[in-house]
């Protein structure tokens, strides 16, 4: 996730210094990358083993960024279900609440 998704795609998409062509190329790779993640997930509820781990927290964050980019998860029902399921986790909801409060504080 760190090198193949975050660094290769999202760092290009969100970096203000990235040329438009690099951003477009990264966006074009987002769908095939989500397809690969969906295939890796299969029908499992977690990315690694059978417990929610830091890998799942990282993937939920990356999927939140996809939502920000208006990616439609309908093409990947596995990812859509995974994302929705983990957004309901109390720890995820709490972490997102803290992050949103900090964003509001910084924007003020």
Foldseek 3Di string as FASTA:
>chain_A
DVVPQCVQAVCLLPPPPRDPVSNVVSVVCVVVVVVVQLVQCPQALENDDNDHDVVLVVVLVSVVVVVVVVPDCPVRVSVVVSNVVVCPPPVNVVVVVVVVVVVVVVVD
